[in-house]
Amino acid sequence: MDDELLRGRVYGSDHEDAGPRPGRVYRELVAGPLDGLLLDVTGWSAEQLAVGAALPTEIGAYGAGGRARYRPRPGDPRRWDWGGDTR
């Protein structure tokens, strides 16, 4: 894994233990409400990784119950770009 990614905070983790773990696979979330967080994609299928994810977040445009959509960046699939918020 890229040393730069080892310094981030993992989406959905406890604040006391928010760092990435060795042996896990992460994607960096870029822009939007979750900018800079790492998403643990360990065990995801190639199809899931190609599609991206709609991640629950309370800090997006729709507040509680909303989701932020992220997709792999063309040419750099380690980084997932924000595609907007949804309900």
Protein backbone atom coordinates (compact mmCIF):
# COMPACT_ATOMS: atom_id res chain seq x y z
CA MET A 1 0.00 0.00 0.00
CA ASP A 2 1.05 3.56 -0.68
CA ASP A 3 2.71 5.14 2.41
CA GLU A 4 0.61 8.27 1.82
CA LEU A 5 -2.58 6.25 2.41
CA LEU A 6 -1.25 4.91 5.72
CA ARG A 7 -1.59 8.36 7.27
CA GLY A 8 -5.34 8.82 6.67
CA ARG A 9 -8.42 8.23 8.78
CA VAL A 10 -10.70 5.33 7.87
CA TYR A 11 -14.37 5.98 7.03
CA GLY A 12 -16.70 4.43 9.60
CA SER A 13 -14.01 3.74 12.20
CA ASP A 14 -14.02 4.80 15.84
CA HIS A 15 -12.28 8.11 16.48
CA GLU A 16 -9.98 6.48 19.03
CA ASP A 17 -8.81 3.89 16.50
CA ALA A 18 -9.29 5.59 13.14
CA GLY A 19 -6.04 4.74 11.36
CA PRO A 20 -5.56 2.20 8.59
CA ARG A 21 -4.42 -1.31 9.43
CA PRO A 22 -1.62 -3.29 7.79
CA GLY A 23 -2.87 -6.00 5.46
CA ARG A 24 -6.06 -4.12 4.55
CA VAL A 25 -6.87 -2.51 1.19
CA TYR A 26 -8.04 1.12 1.04
CA ARG A 27 -9.27 3.70 -1.44
CA GLU A 28 -8.88 7.42 -0.82
CA LEU A 29 -12.12 9.42 -1.06
CA VAL A 30 -11.62 12.69 -2.94
CA ALA A 31 -13.86 15.79 -2.67
CA GLY A 32 -17.40 15.88 -1.29
CA PRO A 33 -18.36 15.40 2.33
CA LEU A 34 -15.96 12.50 2.95
CA ASP A 35 -12.91 14.13 1.34
CA GLY A 36 -9.62 12.73 2.62
CA LEU A 37 -11.06 9.66 4.34
CA LEU A 38 -9.97 6.14 3.46
CA LEU A 39 -12.50 3.47 2.57
CA ASP A 40 -11.63 -0.12 3.54
CA VAL A 41 -12.36 -2.24 0.46
CA THR A 42 -10.70 -5.42 1.68
CA GLY A 43 -12.55 -8.40 0.22
CA TRP A 44 -14.52 -6.41 -2.35
CA SER A 45 -14.98 -8.07 -5.74
CA ALA A 46 -13.55 -6.57 -8.92
CA GLU A 47 -17.11 -5.66 -9.93
CA GLN A 48 -17.77 -3.83 -6.66
CA LEU A 49 -14.48 -1.96 -6.98
CA ALA A 50 -15.34 -0.92 -10.54
CA VAL A 51 -18.76 0.47 -9.54
CA GLY A 52 -17.78 2.41 -6.41
CA ALA A 53 -20.09 3.04 -3.47
CA ALA A 54 -22.87 5.21 -2.06
CA LEU A 55 -21.72 5.76 1.53
CA PRO A 56 -24.04 6.81 4.34
CA THR A 57 -23.17 10.23 5.77
CA GLU A 58 -24.92 12.87 7.84
CA ILE A 59 -22.72 15.67 6.53
CA GLY A 60 -23.84 15.56 2.89
CA ALA A 61 -26.53 17.61 1.16
CA TYR A 62 -29.37 15.45 2.55
CA GLY A 63 -28.25 15.19 6.18
CA ALA A 64 -29.19 12.09 8.16
CA GLY A 65 -30.20 9.32 5.79
CA GLY A 66 -28.20 10.75 2.90
CA ARG A 67 -25.38 9.12 0.99
CA ALA A 68 -22.29 10.36 -0.82
CA ARG A 69 -21.51 8.62 -4.11
CA TYR A 70 -17.88 7.81 -4.92
CA ARG A 71 -16.45 6.14 -8.03
CA PRO A 72 -12.94 5.07 -9.07
CA ARG A 73 -10.93 7.79 -10.76
CA PRO A 74 -10.08 6.88 -14.36
CA GLY A 75 -6.37 6.17 -14.54
CA ASP A 76 -5.97 6.09 -10.73
CA PRO A 77 -8.38 3.58 -9.16
CA ARG A 78 -6.74 4.02 -5.74
CA ARG A 79 -8.59 7.34 -5.53
CA TRP A 80 -12.38 7.55 -5.70
CA ASP A 81 -13.96 10.81 -6.79
CA TRP A 82 -17.17 12.22 -5.37
CA GLY A 83 -20.10 12.05 -7.78
CA GLY A 84 -22.69 13.89 -5.71
CA ASP A 85 -25.05 13.22 -2.82
CA THR A 86 -28.21 11.15 -2.90
CA ARG A 87 -30.96 9.97 -0.56
